[in-house]
Amino acid sequence: MKKIKQSWAEPYKIKMVELLKMTTADQRKKAMKDAGYNTFLLRSEDVYIDLLTDSGTSAMSDRQWAGMMLGDEAYAGSSNFYQLEEVVREVYGYKYLVPTHQGRGAENILSKILIKKGDIVPGNMYFTTTRLHQELAGGKFEDVIIDEAHDPENEFPFKGNIDLDKLKRLIKKHGAKKIPYVSMATSVNMAGGQPISMKNLKELRALTKKHGIKVIHDMTRVAENAYFIQQKEKGYEGRSIRSIVKEICSYTDGATMSAKKDALVNIGGFLAVNDWDVFEEARNMVVVYEGLHTYGGLAGRDMEAMAIGIRESVSDEHIKARIGQVIYLGEKMIEYDVPIVRPIGGHGIFVDAKKFLPHIPQDHFPAQTLAAEMYLDSGVRTMERGVVSAGRKTNGENYYPKLELVRFTIPRRVYTQAHMDVIAESAARVYERRNKIKGLKMVYEPKYLRFFQARFEKL
């Protein structure tokens, strides 16, 4: 008898729906041209399936919506702040909390406190806003991720790992005093949502402790990272996601969090630290840049929704279904021979634009081109993660990352399996006509984070 496959299914049911606008090919062509072939500049009403980002685009639960009605909108001392502070200590283990409007608010404050001009900040691959804040504070980012992370076809299960030999060489070259902290991200976004192993994190903690260097955790997708540790790392098979998340955090000195991802809210973030002196400086600085230290630019209702979302995010059932949907889409794309980053990561599928469009050089923006073509084909909005996102060096030259990717980012609890089928089929159709696709030229470039607002024309 043939063995019956056991499928996963979402651990929720749908209570409310948002109706979507269906567009024609001509309408999409006009919308894309008006947007300067930048998917960030499309109007959301013209998008069918929106995979631009998983940031702030998740569906909140009934409990989170109920929590919104418990918003204490007092200017100072909101009860929702103390609830959030308690949950951060309970789930993540950090002592002190400074709320911010989102993750980049926390990055800005942290960079201003810890980084001095000329400092070196090692990290497991750059992220756009993180590196910019480090540079604006006078620091220089140095990539110390393992080499496997730059190879989209390498199947190593923990491509988010830090190469400790690279880090040791940096310490030897610059001295520990020039390194304010190691920037460690769980589930490395720019590598394709790739996780760091607990073994690597423990070794990193031992090395940094020896040299008196802090480890600051970009914990935006820590629960997704915990899932991969649970599934792939020896000794963690029987552990809960919640316990693994807390262990990850225990090997770090503080964290920046964009709660718009793992924590399932539409807005919000925080800086969490264990060092009183850093906290004292941060809660003074947050008043300048964000808001009072007990609201940090957020409404009380947003902090309440965040506290509830954090608890929901570390549920084993939730994270299994969340990543299960990503894996389903990835396997569909592999069926259609669409080249993607392997192994499949946590928050989306990353298509290898260099391999998809090998005839288009990086100067003609293959990932940006492919994102535009996906929208033209089906109304699916994705985003570029290549030379446009990488930006320019301080001398004005483009960064040319080895990875030239298009990110198909899946919002949490939003789309169905049928939507995943539509996405994969669209990617397959574009792949079939890939040889006819031409690149783009950039006709407008903003000063910072150009991928948000740059404009292009077809060659």
Protein backbone atom coordinates (compact mmCIF):
# COMPACT_ATOMS: atom_id res chain seq x y z
CA MET A 1 0.00 0.00 0.00
CA LYS A 2 1.31 3.46 -0.92
CA LYS A 3 2.34 5.53 2.09
CA ILE A 4 -0.04 8.45 2.62
CA LYS A 5 1.67 11.82 2.84
CA GLN A 6 0.92 13.91 5.92
CA SER A 7 0.52 17.55 4.85
CA TRP A 8 0.85 20.61 7.04
CA ALA A 9 -2.02 23.06 7.33
CA GLU A 10 -2.44 26.53 8.76
CA PRO A 11 -3.21 26.54 12.53
CA TYR A 12 -5.89 29.21 12.07
CA LYS A 13 -9.11 29.92 10.21
CA ILE A 14 -9.98 33.05 8.22
CA LYS A 15 -12.47 35.49 9.80
CA MET A 16 -12.23 38.43 7.40
CA VAL A 17 -11.01 38.96 3.84
CA GLU A 18 -9.66 41.91 1.86
CA LEU A 19 -10.85 42.03 -1.72
CA LEU A 20 -8.11 42.41 -4.34
CA LYS A 21 -8.11 44.29 -7.64
CA MET A 22 -7.49 42.13 -10.69
CA THR A 23 -5.56 43.96 -13.43
CA THR A 24 -5.05 43.44 -17.15
CA ALA A 25 -1.67 43.21 -18.87
CA ASP A 26 -2.13 46.72 -20.30
CA GLN A 27 -2.96 48.15 -16.88
CA ARG A 28 0.14 46.53 -15.36
CA LYS A 29 2.33 47.80 -18.19
CA LYS A 30 1.18 51.38 -17.55
CA ALA A 31 1.51 51.04 -13.77
CA MET A 32 5.04 49.65 -14.06
CA LYS A 33 6.16 52.40 -16.42
CA ASP A 34 4.64 55.07 -14.16
CA ALA A 35 6.54 53.52 -11.23
CA GLY A 36 9.86 53.78 -13.06
CA TYR A 37 10.22 49.98 -13.07
CA ASN A 38 10.65 50.07 -9.30
CA THR A 39 8.19 47.82 -7.50
CA PHE A 40 8.44 50.03 -4.39
CA LEU A 41 6.80 52.85 -6.37
CA LEU A 42 3.76 50.83 -7.43
CA ARG A 43 0.45 51.69 -5.81
CA SER A 44 -0.67 48.79 -3.61
CA GLU A 45 -4.15 48.90 -5.18
CA ASP A 46 -2.54 47.83 -8.49
CA VAL A 47 -0.90 44.76 -6.91
CA TYR A 48 -2.54 41.32 -6.89
CA ILE A 49 -0.22 39.29 -4.63
CA ASP A 50 2.14 41.47 -2.62
CA LEU A 51 5.48 39.84 -1.83
CA LEU A 52 7.42 43.09 -1.54
CA THR A 53 8.14 42.46 2.13
CA ASP A 54 7.05 40.59 5.23
CA SER A 55 7.55 43.79 7.25
CA GLY A 56 4.30 45.02 8.75
CA THR A 57 2.25 43.02 6.25
CA SER A 58 1.26 40.06 8.44
CA ALA A 59 -2.34 39.37 9.45
CA MET A 60 -2.93 40.04 13.14
CA SER A 61 -4.90 37.54 15.21
CA ASP A 62 -8.26 38.14 16.88
CA ARG A 63 -6.40 38.34 20.19
CA GLN A 64 -4.13 41.06 18.83
CA TRP A 65 -7.12 43.02 17.51
CA ALA A 66 -8.82 42.63 20.87
CA GLY A 67 -5.62 43.88 22.51
CA MET A 68 -5.78 47.00 20.36
CA MET A 69 -8.93 47.96 22.29
CA LEU A 70 -6.92 47.88 25.52
CA GLY A 71 -4.62 50.68 24.40
CA ASP A 72 -3.60 52.95 27.26
CA GLU A 73 -2.79 56.13 25.36
CA ALA A 74 -1.30 57.98 28.32
CA TYR A 75 1.70 60.04 27.24
CA ALA A 76 3.83 58.69 30.09
CA GLY A 77 3.80 55.35 31.88
CA SER A 78 1.39 53.50 29.57
CA SER A 79 0.32 50.17 31.04
CA ASN A 80 0.91 48.62 27.62
CA PHE A 81 4.62 49.50 27.87
CA TYR A 82 4.95 47.53 31.12
CA GLN A 83 3.10 44.60 29.56
CA LEU A 84 5.50 44.67 26.59
CA GLU A 85 8.52 44.97 28.88
CA GLU A 86 7.35 41.92 30.84
CA VAL A 87 6.86 39.85 27.65
CA VAL A 88 10.32 40.80 26.26
CA ARG A 89 11.93 39.65 29.54
CA GLU A 90 9.82 36.48 29.64
CA VAL A 91 10.26 35.36 26.01
CA TYR A 92 13.67 36.82 25.05
CA GLY A 93 15.39 37.30 28.42
CA TYR A 94 16.72 40.84 27.91
CA LYS A 95 16.67 43.06 31.02
CA TYR A 96 15.92 46.51 29.66
CA LEU A 97 13.55 47.68 26.92
CA VAL A 98 13.38 50.86 24.84
CA PRO A 99 10.44 50.86 22.37
CA THR A 100 10.90 52.45 18.94
CA HIS A 101 8.63 53.08 15.97
CA GLN A 102 10.33 50.21 14.10
CA GLY A 103 13.68 48.41 13.83
CA ARG A 104 15.64 51.20 12.14
CA GLY A 105 14.79 53.51 15.04
CA ALA A 106 16.56 51.07 17.35
CA GLU A 107 19.50 50.77 14.92
CA ASN A 108 19.90 54.54 14.83
CA ILE A 109 20.01 54.89 18.63
CA LEU A 110 22.30 51.90 19.13
CA SER A 111 24.75 53.07 16.45
CA LYS A 112 24.94 56.56 17.94
CA ILE A 113 25.67 55.13 21.41
CA LEU A 114 28.19 52.39 20.62
CA ILE A 115 30.01 53.42 17.41
CA LYS A 116 32.83 55.97 17.24
CA LYS A 117 34.41 57.34 14.07
CA GLY A 118 36.82 54.79 12.63
CA ASP A 119 35.25 51.79 14.37
CA ILE A 120 34.86 48.45 12.60
CA VAL A 121 31.54 46.60 12.88
CA PRO A 122 31.74 42.94 11.78
CA GLY A 123 28.51 41.19 10.83
CA ASN A 124 27.07 38.13 9.13
CA MET A 125 26.26 39.94 5.88
CA TYR A 126 25.05 43.52 5.64
CA PHE A 127 21.49 44.70 5.83
CA THR A 128 20.63 47.98 4.14
CA THR A 129 19.39 50.14 7.03
CA THR A 130 21.74 48.53 9.57
CA ARG A 131 24.85 49.28 7.55
CA LEU A 132 23.72 52.81 6.74
CA HIS A 133 23.22 53.67 10.42
CA GLN A 134 26.64 52.19 11.20
CA GLU A 135 28.25 54.28 8.45
CA LEU A 136 26.43 57.48 9.46
CA ALA A 137 27.78 56.97 12.99
CA GLY A 138 31.34 56.83 11.56
CA GLY A 139 31.80 53.06 11.51
CA LYS A 140 32.69 50.64 8.74
CA PHE A 141 30.84 47.38 8.22
CA GLU A 142 32.94 44.25 7.56
CA ASP A 143 31.29 41.07 6.29
CA VAL A 144 32.38 38.02 8.30
CA ILE A 145 29.73 35.55 7.13
CA ILE A 146 30.94 32.15 5.94
CA ASP A 147 31.82 31.90 2.23
CA GLU A 148 29.02 29.39 1.60
CA ALA A 149 26.48 32.20 2.15
CA HIS A 150 27.60 33.89 -1.08
CA ASP A 151 26.93 30.75 -3.14
CA PRO A 152 23.19 30.42 -3.91
CA GLU A 153 23.53 26.74 -4.83
CA ASN A 154 25.43 25.63 -1.72
CA GLU A 155 23.17 23.43 0.44
CA PHE A 156 24.95 24.03 3.77
CA PRO A 157 22.11 24.24 6.35
CA PHE A 158 23.47 27.17 8.38
CA LYS A 159 24.66 29.72 5.83
CA GLY A 160 24.09 32.50 8.35
CA ASN A 161 27.08 31.34 10.40
CA ILE A 162 29.91 33.72 11.22
CA ASP A 163 33.38 32.75 9.99
CA LEU A 164 35.30 32.96 13.26
CA ASP A 165 38.65 33.00 11.48
CA LYS A 166 37.61 36.11 9.54
CA LEU A 167 36.54 37.71 12.82
CA LYS A 168 39.82 36.78 14.53
CA ARG A 169 41.77 38.37 11.69
CA LEU A 170 39.76 41.59 12.06
CA ILE A 171 40.40 41.64 15.81
CA LYS A 172 44.11 41.09 15.22
CA LYS A 173 44.29 43.76 12.52
CA HIS A 174 42.27 46.52 14.22
CA GLY A 175 42.31 45.57 17.90
CA ALA A 176 39.31 44.75 20.09
CA LYS A 177 38.88 48.37 21.16
CA LYS A 178 38.08 49.34 17.56
CA ILE A 179 35.25 46.80 17.43
CA PRO A 180 32.31 48.05 19.51
CA TYR A 181 30.21 44.98 18.80
CA VAL A 182 29.59 42.13 16.39
CA SER A 183 26.32 42.62 14.47
CA MET A 184 24.75 39.15 14.45
CA ALA A 185 21.49 38.59 12.56
CA THR A 186 19.31 35.54 13.04
CA SER A 187 17.94 34.36 9.70
CA VAL A 188 20.19 36.46 7.46
CA ASN A 189 17.92 38.36 5.10
CA MET A 190 20.34 39.22 2.30
CA ALA A 191 21.65 35.64 2.17
CA GLY A 192 18.15 34.33 1.51
CA GLY A 193 16.73 34.02 5.04
CA GLN A 194 19.53 31.68 6.07
CA PRO A 195 19.94 30.69 9.77
CA ILE A 196 22.89 30.72 12.15
CA SER A 197 23.52 27.54 14.17
CA MET A 198 23.52 27.45 17.97
CA LYS A 199 27.00 25.89 17.88
CA ASN A 200 28.34 28.83 15.89
CA LEU A 201 26.64 31.29 18.22
CA LYS A 202 28.16 29.65 21.29
CA GLU A 203 31.61 29.80 19.72
CA LEU A 204 31.06 33.45 18.79
CA ARG A 205 30.06 34.23 22.39
CA ALA A 206 33.22 32.57 23.73
CA LEU A 207 35.46 34.48 21.30
CA THR A 208 33.87 37.88 21.92
CA LYS A 209 33.87 37.36 25.69
CA LYS A 210 37.60 36.66 25.57
CA HIS A 211 38.19 40.02 23.84
CA GLY A 212 35.54 42.06 25.67
CA ILE A 213 33.43 42.65 22.54
CA LYS A 214 29.64 42.85 22.67
CA VAL A 215 27.31 40.80 20.48
CA ILE A 216 24.27 42.75 19.28
CA HIS A 217 21.47 40.65 17.89
CA ASP A 218 19.33 41.68 14.92
CA MET A 219 16.46 39.51 16.10
CA THR A 220 13.86 40.46 13.52
CA ARG A 221 13.32 36.82 12.48
CA VAL A 222 14.69 34.96 15.51
CA ALA A 223 11.74 32.55 15.73
CA GLU A 224 12.31 31.44 12.13
CA ASN A 225 15.99 30.85 12.93
CA ALA A 226 14.96 28.79 15.96
CA TYR A 227 12.83 26.57 13.71
CA PHE A 228 15.84 25.65 11.56
CA ILE A 229 17.89 24.90 14.67
CA GLN A 230 15.07 22.66 15.92
CA GLN A 231 14.81 20.85 12.58
CA LYS A 232 18.48 20.62 11.58
CA GLU A 233 20.81 20.89 14.58
CA LYS A 234 21.67 17.88 16.70
CA GLY A 235 20.43 18.07 20.27
CA TYR A 236 17.55 20.44 19.57
CA GLU A 237 15.06 18.03 17.99
CA GLY A 238 12.80 17.82 21.04
CA ARG A 239 13.13 21.43 22.15
CA SER A 240 10.34 23.99 21.82
CA ILE A 241 10.76 27.04 19.57
CA ARG A 242 10.25 29.25 22.61
CA SER A 243 13.11 27.67 24.56
CA ILE A 244 15.46 27.81 21.56
CA VAL A 245 14.66 31.51 21.02
CA LYS A 246 15.53 32.29 24.64
CA GLU A 247 18.80 30.36 24.40
CA ILE A 248 19.79 32.26 21.23
CA CYS A 249 19.21 35.58 23.01
CA SER A 250 21.19 34.44 26.08
CA TYR A 251 24.43 34.46 24.05
CA THR A 252 24.03 38.13 23.12
CA ASP A 253 24.32 41.46 24.96
CA GLY A 254 21.41 43.24 23.35
CA ALA A 255 19.15 43.33 20.35
CA THR A 256 17.41 45.50 17.80
CA MET A 257 13.99 44.30 16.75
CA SER A 258 11.69 45.17 13.92
CA ALA A 259 8.52 43.71 15.40
CA LYS A 260 6.86 44.08 11.99
CA LYS A 261 8.25 40.65 11.06
CA ASP A 262 8.30 37.85 13.65
CA ALA A 263 6.10 39.68 16.17
CA LEU A 264 3.20 39.92 13.71
CA VAL A 265 2.37 43.63 14.01
CA ASN A 266 1.91 46.35 11.42
CA ILE A 267 4.23 48.82 13.16
CA GLY A 268 6.70 48.74 16.04
CA GLY A 269 10.12 47.73 17.24
CA PHE A 270 12.48 48.02 20.17
CA LEU A 271 16.01 48.10 21.48
CA ALA A 272 16.63 45.57 24.26
CA VAL A 273 19.88 45.42 26.26
CA ASN A 274 21.38 43.89 29.39
CA ASP A 275 23.84 46.70 30.10
CA TRP A 276 22.44 49.44 32.38
CA ASP A 277 24.74 52.14 31.03
CA VAL A 278 23.70 51.47 27.41
CA PHE A 279 20.06 51.42 28.49
CA GLU A 280 20.41 54.69 30.39
CA GLU A 281 21.89 56.39 27.31
CA ALA A 282 19.27 54.83 25.02
CA ARG A 283 16.27 55.89 27.08
CA ASN A 284 17.60 59.44 27.07
CA MET A 285 18.24 59.38 23.32
CA VAL A 286 14.87 57.83 22.43
CA VAL A 287 13.17 60.98 23.69
CA VAL A 288 15.07 62.99 21.07
CA TYR A 289 14.45 60.72 18.07
CA GLU A 290 11.33 58.64 18.76
CA GLY A 291 9.22 59.61 21.77
CA LEU A 292 9.13 59.19 25.54
CA HIS A 293 10.91 56.08 26.84
CA THR A 294 7.56 54.45 27.69
CA TYR A 295 6.13 54.70 24.20
CA GLY A 296 9.02 55.31 21.77
CA GLY A 297 6.90 56.61 18.90
CA LEU A 298 4.16 54.00 19.31
CA ALA A 299 0.55 54.14 20.42
CA GLY A 300 -0.25 52.09 23.50
CA ARG A 301 -2.46 49.81 21.40
CA ASP A 302 0.50 49.01 19.14
CA MET A 303 2.60 47.95 22.13
CA GLU A 304 -0.24 45.72 23.36
CA ALA A 305 -0.56 44.05 19.94
CA MET A 306 3.22 43.56 19.89
CA ALA A 307 3.26 41.88 23.30
CA ILE A 308 0.55 39.43 22.19
CA GLY A 309 2.26 38.89 18.82
CA ILE A 310 5.58 38.01 20.45
CA ARG A 311 3.93 35.20 22.40
CA GLU A 312 2.15 33.95 19.27
CA SER A 313 5.37 34.09 17.23
CA VAL A 314 7.13 31.46 19.35
CA SER A 315 4.32 28.90 19.02
CA ASP A 316 5.60 25.70 17.40
CA GLU A 317 2.37 25.31 15.42
CA HIS A 318 2.57 28.84 14.03
CA ILE A 319 6.18 28.71 12.92
CA LYS A 320 5.82 25.25 11.36
CA ALA A 321 2.97 26.48 9.15
CA ARG A 322 4.68 29.80 8.40
CA ILE A 323 7.87 28.22 7.12
CA GLY A 324 5.90 25.33 5.61
CA GLN A 325 4.27 27.77 3.21
CA VAL A 326 7.67 29.18 2.21
CA ILE A 327 9.01 25.68 1.60
CA TYR A 328 5.94 24.80 -0.47
CA LEU A 329 6.57 27.76 -2.79
CA GLY A 330 10.28 26.97 -3.02
CA GLU A 331 9.65 23.36 -3.96
CA LYS A 332 7.17 24.47 -6.63
CA MET A 333 9.78 26.79 -8.13
CA ILE A 334 12.36 24.01 -8.14
CA GLU A 335 9.82 21.83 -9.99
CA TYR A 336 9.69 24.50 -12.70
CA ASP A 337 13.52 24.75 -12.82
CA VAL A 338 13.46 28.34 -11.54
CA PRO A 339 16.91 28.96 -9.98
CA ILE A 340 16.55 29.83 -6.29
CA VAL A 341 18.81 30.18 -3.28
CA ARG A 342 19.21 26.84 -1.51
CA PRO A 343 18.47 25.64 1.05
CA ILE A 344 15.07 27.32 1.22
CA GLY A 345 15.14 30.06 3.87
CA GLY A 346 12.64 31.24 6.43
CA HIS A 347 10.77 34.30 5.18
CA GLY A 348 10.71 34.00 1.43
CA ILE A 349 12.10 32.54 -1.75
CA PHE A 350 15.11 34.28 -3.26
CA VAL A 351 15.45 33.79 -7.01
CA ASP A 352 18.99 33.89 -8.40
CA ALA A 353 18.72 36.66 -11.01
CA LYS A 354 22.27 36.09 -12.29
CA LYS A 355 21.37 32.54 -13.24
CA PHE A 356 17.84 33.46 -14.35
CA LEU A 357 19.07 36.29 -16.64
CA PRO A 358 22.74 35.46 -17.30
CA HIS A 359 22.81 37.70 -20.40
CA ILE A 360 22.11 40.84 -18.33
CA PRO A 361 25.21 42.29 -16.57
CA GLN A 362 24.92 43.70 -13.05
CA ASP A 363 25.28 47.24 -14.42
CA HIS A 364 21.94 46.66 -16.13
CA PHE A 365 20.29 45.50 -12.90
CA PRO A 366 19.12 41.93 -13.56
CA ALA A 367 17.29 41.54 -10.24
CA GLN A 368 15.48 44.86 -10.65
CA THR A 369 14.57 43.78 -14.19
CA LEU A 370 13.23 40.43 -13.04
CA ALA A 371 11.11 42.01 -10.28
CA ALA A 372 9.53 44.28 -12.90
CA GLU A 373 8.88 41.34 -15.25
CA MET A 374 7.16 39.36 -12.49
CA TYR A 375 4.71 42.20 -11.94
CA LEU A 376 4.10 42.62 -15.67
CA ASP A 377 3.30 38.92 -15.99
CA SER A 378 0.84 38.45 -13.15
CA GLY A 379 0.56 41.43 -10.83
CA VAL A 380 2.81 39.73 -8.26
CA ARG A 381 5.02 42.30 -6.55
CA THR A 382 8.49 41.18 -5.46
CA MET A 383 11.64 43.16 -4.72
CA GLU A 384 15.27 43.46 -5.76
CA ARG A 385 18.08 42.36 -3.46
CA GLY A 386 21.19 42.93 -5.56
CA VAL A 387 23.32 45.79 -6.83
CA VAL A 388 20.56 48.39 -6.39
CA SER A 389 19.99 47.43 -2.75
CA ALA A 390 23.73 47.21 -2.11
CA GLY A 391 24.12 50.91 -2.95
CA ARG A 392 27.41 52.76 -3.21
CA LYS A 393 30.66 52.76 -1.29
CA THR A 394 31.83 55.94 0.45
CA ASN A 395 33.97 56.67 -2.64
CA GLY A 396 30.87 56.65 -4.85
CA GLU A 397 31.48 53.32 -6.59
CA ASN A 398 28.72 50.72 -6.71
CA TYR A 399 28.91 47.72 -4.45
CA TYR A 400 28.70 44.58 -6.60
CA PRO A 401 27.43 41.80 -4.33
CA LYS A 402 27.97 38.21 -5.38
CA LEU A 403 24.28 37.59 -4.74
CA GLU A 404 21.93 39.26 -7.22
CA LEU A 405 18.53 38.16 -5.98
CA VAL A 406 14.82 38.80 -6.28
CA ARG A 407 13.03 38.31 -2.97
CA PHE A 408 9.59 36.71 -2.95
CA THR A 409 8.77 37.60 0.64
CA ILE A 410 5.73 35.88 2.13
CA PRO A 411 3.66 37.80 4.69
CA ARG A 412 2.62 35.73 7.70
CA ARG A 413 -0.94 34.36 7.83
CA VAL A 414 -2.03 36.30 4.72
CA TYR A 415 -2.02 34.13 1.56
CA THR A 416 -3.25 30.63 0.76
CA GLN A 417 -1.59 27.68 -0.90
CA ALA A 418 -3.45 28.56 -4.12
CA HIS A 419 -1.70 31.93 -4.13
CA MET A 420 1.63 30.10 -3.87
CA ASP A 421 0.70 28.10 -6.99
CA VAL A 422 -0.09 31.29 -8.91
CA ILE A 423 3.27 32.80 -7.90
CA ALA A 424 5.28 29.75 -8.94
CA GLU A 425 3.47 29.46 -12.27
CA SER A 426 4.13 33.14 -13.01
CA ALA A 427 7.84 32.71 -12.26
CA ALA A 428 7.88 29.70 -14.59
CA ARG A 429 6.28 31.70 -17.42
CA VAL A 430 8.80 34.51 -17.06
CA TYR A 431 11.60 31.93 -17.00
CA GLU A 432 10.35 30.46 -20.30
CA ARG A 433 10.78 33.82 -22.05
CA ARG A 434 13.92 34.87 -20.16
CA ASN A 435 16.10 35.18 -23.28
CA LYS A 436 13.89 37.96 -24.65
CA ILE A 437 14.17 40.11 -21.52
CA LYS A 438 16.39 43.20 -21.61
CA GLY A 439 17.88 45.10 -18.69
CA LEU A 440 17.29 48.55 -17.23
CA LYS A 441 19.17 51.80 -16.79
CA MET A 442 18.85 53.96 -13.68
CA VAL A 443 17.53 57.45 -14.44
CA TYR A 444 17.02 58.74 -10.88
CA GLU A 445 19.00 57.87 -7.76
CA PRO A 446 18.28 59.24 -4.28
CA LYS A 447 21.09 59.90 -1.80
CA TYR A 448 20.33 57.10 0.66
CA LEU A 449 18.80 53.62 0.34
CA ARG A 450 18.26 54.05 -3.36
CA PHE A 451 16.25 50.86 -3.84
CA PHE A 452 13.24 52.52 -2.21
CA GLN A 453 12.90 55.44 -4.64
CA ALA A 454 15.22 54.95 -7.64
CA ARG A 455 13.65 55.07 -11.09
CA PHE A 456 14.59 53.10 -14.20
CA GLU A 457 13.89 52.87 -17.90
CA LYS A 458 14.00 49.85 -20.17
CA LEU A 459 17.09 49.50 -22.35
